[in-house]
């Protein structure tokens, strides 16, 4: 399917041809088994380094696929490296280094691995993490008919996770596009500076050109904190998750998480069958396209109780990030 038609689906009030949407949704669903295997490998390694590590997987949202095609017109869905992705959040920058080294040593055993180090070289917007992209071809006879798929692995510290999920919260609750390089200057600058602040705490390279001195950094962050009224705005976005937590669906169960910003509601539905989960995901995305400020994500993790910590942005919950920043600038 032409990438341009996916971009048109984002902006056109008419329905995308069902065949086109289904093609992309089916390609995404074809990552389910490779993603599960790679996530399991990441979990084993991460918990050996940090027993408290949180590891989970997510299937890329259709709107994220479309926006990426829009930013890179020459790209096709089939060449994207992060349709299926998994992430390990570990306790410290030291644990990040140890886990990263393990995957570097495993390179001969992985198919076409690529590493992207955004900690040594932070992105201009302040994003910091380690990424590996690997190709996985199922070795089980039951799945041998499946072609290889690219899976992205991310390794980040708890501090880096607080920063990244706070930025996602801003995008979700203010309809900005900070993650894609857009958004208001004051918010963009605030996240660049707080990334540098966190990098200093972890004794890591700072965002290039972000600050002239420690004093200047603190002074500018304090000014933005007061000017944007950071605490007041963030605190006002905390949503009420559904009262009843869905029952557990077993290790590596799949959960459809939907947030309605206007209704201030987050709902979670669990699935034991991954095929049903991906179909429900596609149906939700088609429906939510007609509902302003409502979005969904499909994730897999060991326990439903880990959801809020892994995806605080879907609950408008930035308390951990705010407390961290406020403690440092005081």
Protein backbone atom coordinates (compact mmCIF):
# COMPACT_ATOMS: atom_id res chain seq x y z
CA UNK A 1 0.00 0.00 0.00
CA UNK A 2 1.28 3.45 -0.88
CA UNK A 3 2.53 5.40 2.10
CA UNK A 4 0.76 8.51 0.80
CA UNK A 5 -2.66 6.91 1.24
CA UNK A 6 -1.91 6.30 4.91
CA UNK A 7 -1.04 9.99 5.31
CA UNK A 8 -4.31 10.94 3.60
CA UNK A 9 -6.20 8.73 6.06
CA UNK A 10 -4.90 10.93 8.89
CA UNK A 11 -6.27 14.15 7.39
CA UNK A 12 -9.25 13.05 5.31
CA UNK A 13 -12.72 12.78 6.82
CA UNK A 14 -13.54 9.91 4.49
CA UNK A 15 -12.74 6.39 5.52
CA UNK A 16 -9.48 4.91 4.37
CA UNK A 17 -10.18 2.02 2.04
CA UNK A 18 -10.66 -0.93 4.35
CA UNK A 19 -8.26 -3.03 2.30
CA UNK A 20 -5.45 -0.51 2.82
CA UNK A 21 -6.01 -0.25 6.56
CA UNK A 22 -6.26 -4.02 6.92
CA UNK A 23 -3.00 -4.51 5.02
CA UNK A 24 -1.05 -2.36 7.45
CA UNK A 25 -2.86 -3.80 10.48
CA UNK A 26 -2.07 -7.36 9.30
CA UNK A 27 1.60 -6.48 8.76
CA UNK A 28 1.73 -5.09 12.29
CA UNK A 29 0.05 -8.20 13.71
CA UNK A 30 2.65 -10.37 11.94
CA UNK A 31 5.20 -8.98 14.41
CA UNK A 32 3.36 -10.48 17.39
CA UNK A 33 5.24 -13.77 17.70
CA UNK A 34 8.77 -12.41 16.97
CA UNK A 35 8.04 -9.55 19.39
CA UNK A 36 7.05 -11.98 22.14
CA UNK A 37 10.23 -14.03 21.73
CA UNK A 38 12.54 -11.01 21.69
CA UNK A 39 10.74 -9.47 24.67
CA UNK A 40 11.22 -12.70 26.62
CA UNK A 41 14.93 -12.61 25.84
CA UNK A 42 15.16 -8.97 26.94
CA UNK A 43 13.28 -9.74 30.16
CA UNK A 44 15.62 -12.60 31.08
CA UNK A 45 18.70 -10.45 30.53
CA UNK A 46 17.28 -7.34 32.22
CA UNK A 47 16.14 -9.12 35.36
CA UNK A 48 19.52 -10.80 35.67
CA UNK A 49 21.04 -7.31 35.83
CA UNK A 50 18.27 -5.70 37.91
CA UNK A 51 15.69 -7.94 39.57
CA UNK A 52 13.26 -5.02 39.73
CA UNK A 53 13.46 -4.26 36.00
CA UNK A 54 10.20 -3.62 34.15
CA UNK A 55 10.07 -5.10 30.66
CA UNK A 56 7.17 -4.78 28.24
CA UNK A 57 6.30 -4.75 24.56
CA UNK A 58 4.12 -2.51 22.45
CA UNK A 59 2.75 -2.54 18.92
CA UNK A 60 3.23 0.78 17.14
CA UNK A 61 0.11 2.91 16.96
CA UNK A 62 -1.36 3.46 13.50
CA UNK A 63 -1.18 7.23 13.90
CA UNK A 64 2.52 6.93 14.79
CA UNK A 65 3.08 4.86 11.66
CA UNK A 66 1.33 7.49 9.56
CA UNK A 67 3.19 10.44 11.08
CA UNK A 68 6.50 8.68 10.50
CA UNK A 69 5.57 8.13 6.85
CA UNK A 70 4.66 11.80 6.64
CA UNK A 71 8.04 12.88 8.05
CA UNK A 72 9.92 10.51 5.74
CA UNK A 73 8.11 10.37 2.36
CA UNK A 74 10.57 7.83 0.92
CA UNK A 75 9.88 5.32 3.70
CA UNK A 76 7.53 2.37 3.39
CA UNK A 77 5.75 0.56 6.21
CA UNK A 78 7.74 -2.59 5.42
CA UNK A 79 11.05 -0.80 6.04
CA UNK A 80 10.15 0.60 9.46
CA UNK A 81 12.33 -0.75 12.24
CA UNK A 82 9.96 -0.24 15.18
CA UNK A 83 6.56 -1.62 14.20
CA UNK A 84 7.13 -4.04 17.06
CA UNK A 85 9.15 -2.79 20.02
CA UNK A 86 10.06 -3.84 23.54
CA UNK A 87 11.65 -1.91 26.37
CA UNK A 88 13.53 -2.57 29.60
CA UNK A 89 13.45 0.07 32.33
CA UNK A 90 16.22 -0.59 34.87
CA UNK A 91 17.13 1.08 38.14
CA UNK A 92 20.27 3.00 37.20
CA UNK A 93 22.61 4.12 34.45
CA UNK A 94 25.02 1.43 35.64
CA UNK A 95 22.40 -1.25 34.98
CA UNK A 96 21.80 0.26 31.53
CA UNK A 97 25.52 -0.11 30.77
CA UNK A 98 25.66 -3.71 31.98
CA UNK A 99 22.56 -4.76 30.05
CA UNK A 100 23.75 -2.95 26.92
CA UNK A 101 27.08 -4.77 27.05
CA UNK A 102 25.28 -8.10 27.23
CA UNK A 103 23.45 -7.37 23.99
CA UNK A 104 26.62 -6.15 22.35
CA UNK A 105 28.24 -9.50 23.13
CA UNK A 106 25.19 -11.28 21.71
CA UNK A 107 25.51 -9.60 18.33
CA UNK A 108 26.93 -12.69 16.59
CA UNK A 109 23.81 -14.61 17.68
CA UNK A 110 21.35 -11.96 16.46
CA UNK A 111 20.29 -11.40 12.87
CA UNK A 112 21.54 -8.12 11.39
CA UNK A 113 21.74 -6.19 14.70
CA UNK A 114 22.09 -2.41 14.75
CA UNK A 115 22.81 -0.27 17.80
CA UNK A 116 21.79 3.35 18.37
CA UNK A 117 23.34 4.99 21.44
CA UNK A 118 21.27 8.04 22.42
CA UNK A 119 22.91 8.26 25.84
CA UNK A 120 26.44 8.96 24.65
CA UNK A 121 24.89 11.10 21.90
CA UNK A 122 21.52 12.44 23.12
CA UNK A 123 19.02 13.51 20.50
CA UNK A 124 18.63 17.29 20.04
CA UNK A 125 15.24 17.18 21.79
CA UNK A 126 16.83 15.57 24.86
CA UNK A 127 15.80 11.94 24.30
CA UNK A 128 18.24 9.49 25.90
CA UNK A 129 18.17 5.70 25.64
CA UNK A 130 19.91 2.73 24.04
CA UNK A 131 18.23 1.12 21.03
CA UNK A 132 18.98 -2.16 19.29
CA UNK A 133 17.21 -3.21 16.10
CA UNK A 134 17.35 -6.90 15.24
CA UNK A 135 15.73 -9.17 12.70
CA UNK A 136 14.06 -12.22 14.13
CA UNK A 137 13.07 -15.26 12.11
CA UNK A 138 11.05 -17.82 14.09
CA UNK A 139 12.98 -21.02 14.71
CA UNK A 140 9.96 -23.04 15.85
CA UNK A 141 8.55 -25.33 13.15
CA UNK A 142 5.05 -24.15 14.03
CA UNK A 143 6.01 -20.60 13.03
CA UNK A 144 8.66 -21.33 10.41
CA UNK A 145 6.36 -20.04 7.65
CA UNK A 146 6.66 -16.50 9.05
CA UNK A 147 9.24 -14.20 7.43
CA UNK A 148 11.81 -12.38 9.54
CA UNK A 149 10.63 -9.18 11.20
CA UNK A 150 12.53 -6.21 12.59
CA UNK A 151 12.09 -5.71 16.32
CA UNK A 152 13.36 -2.72 18.27
CA UNK A 153 14.75 -3.17 21.80
CA UNK A 154 15.11 -0.16 24.08
CA UNK A 155 17.11 0.01 27.29
CA UNK A 156 16.67 3.02 29.56
CA UNK A 157 17.16 3.98 33.20
CA UNK A 158 14.28 4.85 35.51
CA UNK A 159 15.33 8.50 35.31
CA UNK A 160 15.32 8.45 31.51
CA UNK A 161 11.91 6.77 31.61
CA UNK A 162 10.47 9.52 33.81
CA UNK A 163 11.62 12.12 31.28
CA UNK A 164 10.37 10.26 28.20
CA UNK A 165 6.93 9.46 29.60
CA UNK A 166 6.46 13.04 30.82
CA UNK A 167 7.11 14.30 27.30
CA UNK A 168 4.57 11.78 25.96
CA UNK A 169 2.06 13.09 28.50
CA UNK A 170 2.47 16.62 27.17
CA UNK A 171 1.85 15.40 23.63
CA UNK A 172 -1.20 13.43 24.68
CA UNK A 173 -2.86 16.06 26.87
CA UNK A 174 -2.01 19.21 24.90
CA UNK A 175 -2.12 17.82 21.34
CA UNK A 176 1.46 18.95 20.75
CA UNK A 177 4.01 16.94 18.78
CA UNK A 178 7.14 17.26 20.91
CA UNK A 179 8.10 13.66 20.25
CA UNK A 180 8.07 14.34 16.52
CA UNK A 181 10.01 17.60 16.79
CA UNK A 182 7.06 20.02 16.94
CA UNK A 183 5.33 21.79 19.79
CA UNK A 184 5.69 25.11 21.60
CA UNK A 185 9.21 26.46 22.14
CA UNK A 186 8.82 26.83 25.91
CA UNK A 187 7.86 23.17 26.33
CA UNK A 188 10.59 22.00 23.95
CA UNK A 189 13.19 24.04 25.82
CA UNK A 190 11.97 22.76 29.18
CA UNK A 191 12.48 19.14 28.13
CA UNK A 192 15.90 19.82 26.61
CA UNK A 193 17.03 21.42 29.86
CA UNK A 194 15.55 18.77 32.15
CA UNK A 195 17.20 16.09 30.03
CA UNK A 196 20.54 17.80 30.59
CA UNK A 197 19.76 18.08 34.30
CA UNK A 198 19.09 14.33 34.47
CA UNK A 199 22.18 13.56 32.37
CA UNK A 200 24.30 15.48 34.87
CA UNK A 201 22.81 13.47 37.72
CA UNK A 202 23.73 10.26 35.88
CA UNK A 203 27.19 11.61 34.95
CA UNK A 204 26.39 11.27 31.23
CA UNK A 205 26.88 13.58 28.22
CA UNK A 206 24.42 16.47 28.16
CA UNK A 207 22.28 17.61 25.23
CA UNK A 208 24.70 19.51 22.93
CA UNK A 209 24.42 23.28 23.20
CA UNK A 210 21.79 23.11 25.91
CA UNK A 211 23.49 25.08 28.67
CA UNK A 212 26.53 27.25 29.37
CA UNK A 213 26.88 26.50 33.09
CA UNK A 214 25.20 24.72 35.99
CA UNK A 215 23.92 28.01 37.38
CA UNK A 216 22.51 29.09 34.03
CA UNK A 217 20.79 25.70 33.66
CA UNK A 218 19.06 25.92 37.03
CA UNK A 219 18.09 29.54 36.54
CA UNK A 220 16.48 28.87 33.13
CA UNK A 221 14.62 25.75 34.32
CA UNK A 222 13.27 27.66 37.33
CA UNK A 223 12.07 30.42 35.03
CA UNK A 224 10.27 27.97 32.76
CA UNK A 225 8.84 26.11 35.77
CA UNK A 226 7.23 29.34 36.99
CA UNK A 227 6.35 30.72 33.55
CA UNK A 228 4.59 27.64 32.22
CA UNK A 229 3.22 26.79 35.65
CA UNK A 230 4.50 23.27 35.26
CA UNK A 231 3.21 21.76 38.49
CA UNK A 232 -0.28 23.22 38.14
CA UNK A 233 -0.68 22.05 34.56
CA UNK A 234 0.65 18.54 35.13
CA UNK A 235 -1.34 18.01 38.31
CA UNK A 236 -4.49 18.98 36.48
CA UNK A 237 -4.08 16.17 33.95
CA UNK A 238 -4.03 13.21 36.29
CA UNK A 239 -6.91 11.07 35.13
CA UNK A 240 -9.03 8.59 37.02
CA UNK A 241 -8.24 5.10 35.78
CA UNK A 242 -11.10 2.64 35.81
CA UNK A 243 -11.97 1.47 39.28
CA UNK A 244 -11.70 -2.23 38.54
CA UNK A 245 -8.33 -3.55 37.41
CA UNK A 246 -8.90 -6.28 34.79
CA UNK A 247 -7.99 -9.77 35.85
CA UNK A 248 -4.57 -11.13 35.02
CA UNK A 249 -4.36 -12.99 31.73
CA UNK A 250 -1.07 -14.78 32.35
CA UNK A 251 2.57 -13.98 31.66
CA UNK A 252 3.04 -11.91 28.50
CA UNK A 253 -0.69 -11.27 28.27
CA UNK A 254 -1.80 -8.48 25.94
CA UNK A 255 -3.70 -5.41 27.09
CA UNK A 256 -5.53 -2.76 25.10
CA UNK A 257 -5.19 0.56 26.91
CA UNK A 258 -7.43 3.44 25.83
CA UNK A 259 -7.42 6.98 27.16
CA UNK A 260 -10.06 9.62 26.57
CA UNK A 261 -8.50 12.97 27.45
CA UNK A 262 -11.80 14.87 27.39
CA UNK A 263 -13.54 12.35 29.63
CA UNK A 264 -10.44 11.96 31.82
CA UNK A 265 -10.80 8.20 31.68
CA UNK A 266 -8.38 5.35 31.09
CA UNK A 267 -9.68 1.86 30.40
CA UNK A 268 -7.84 -1.44 30.09
CA UNK A 269 -8.98 -4.67 28.47
CA UNK A 270 -6.97 -7.87 28.70
CA UNK A 271 -6.61 -10.60 26.07
CA UNK A 272 -5.31 -14.14 26.30
CA UNK A 273 -5.42 -14.61 22.51
CA UNK A 274 -2.98 -12.32 20.73
CA UNK A 275 -4.92 -12.50 17.46
CA UNK A 276 -8.03 -11.18 19.17
CA UNK A 277 -5.95 -8.45 20.79
CA UNK A 278 -4.55 -7.15 17.50
CA UNK A 279 -8.00 -7.20 15.89
CA UNK A 280 -9.46 -5.24 18.82
CA UNK A 281 -6.56 -2.77 18.49
CA UNK A 282 -7.29 -2.14 14.82
CA UNK A 283 -11.02 -1.77 15.52
CA UNK A 284 -10.34 0.72 18.32
CA UNK A 285 -8.09 2.82 16.09
CA UNK A 286 -10.71 3.00 13.36
CA UNK A 287 -13.35 4.03 15.93
CA UNK A 288 -11.12 6.51 17.76
CA UNK A 289 -10.31 8.35 14.55
CA UNK A 290 -13.82 9.83 14.81
CA UNK A 291 -13.51 10.65 18.54
CA UNK A 292 -11.51 13.72 19.42
CA UNK A 293 -8.69 13.24 21.95
CA UNK A 294 -9.13 9.49 22.32
CA UNK A 295 -6.28 7.09 21.61
CA UNK A 296 -5.24 3.49 22.21
CA UNK A 297 -2.10 1.40 22.56
CA UNK A 298 -1.57 -2.37 22.64
CA UNK A 299 0.99 -3.63 25.14
CA UNK A 300 2.25 -6.92 26.52
CA UNK A 301 3.70 -7.41 29.98
CA UNK A 302 3.96 -9.86 32.84
CA UNK A 303 1.36 -8.21 35.04
CA UNK A 304 -1.47 -5.73 34.52
CA UNK A 305 -0.35 -4.04 37.73
CA UNK A 306 2.81 -2.84 35.91
CA UNK A 307 0.80 -0.85 33.38
CA UNK A 308 0.70 2.47 35.20
CA UNK A 309 4.44 2.45 35.85
CA UNK A 310 5.23 1.51 32.25
CA UNK A 311 2.74 3.92 30.66
CA UNK A 312 2.14 6.77 33.14
CA UNK A 313 1.33 9.07 30.22
CA UNK A 314 -1.91 7.15 29.64
CA UNK A 315 -2.97 8.07 33.16
CA UNK A 316 -1.79 11.69 33.00
CA UNK A 317 0.57 10.70 35.79
CA UNK A 318 3.83 12.68 35.87
CA UNK A 319 4.33 12.85 39.62
CA UNK A 320 7.63 10.92 39.56
CA UNK A 321 9.03 13.29 36.91
CA UNK A 322 7.82 16.44 38.66
CA UNK A 323 9.17 15.36 42.02
CA UNK A 324 12.55 14.58 40.46
CA UNK A 325 12.85 17.93 38.70
CA UNK A 326 11.56 19.92 41.66
CA UNK A 327 14.00 18.20 44.02
CA UNK A 328 16.96 18.99 41.74
CA UNK A 329 16.14 22.64 41.04
CA UNK A 330 15.48 23.39 44.70
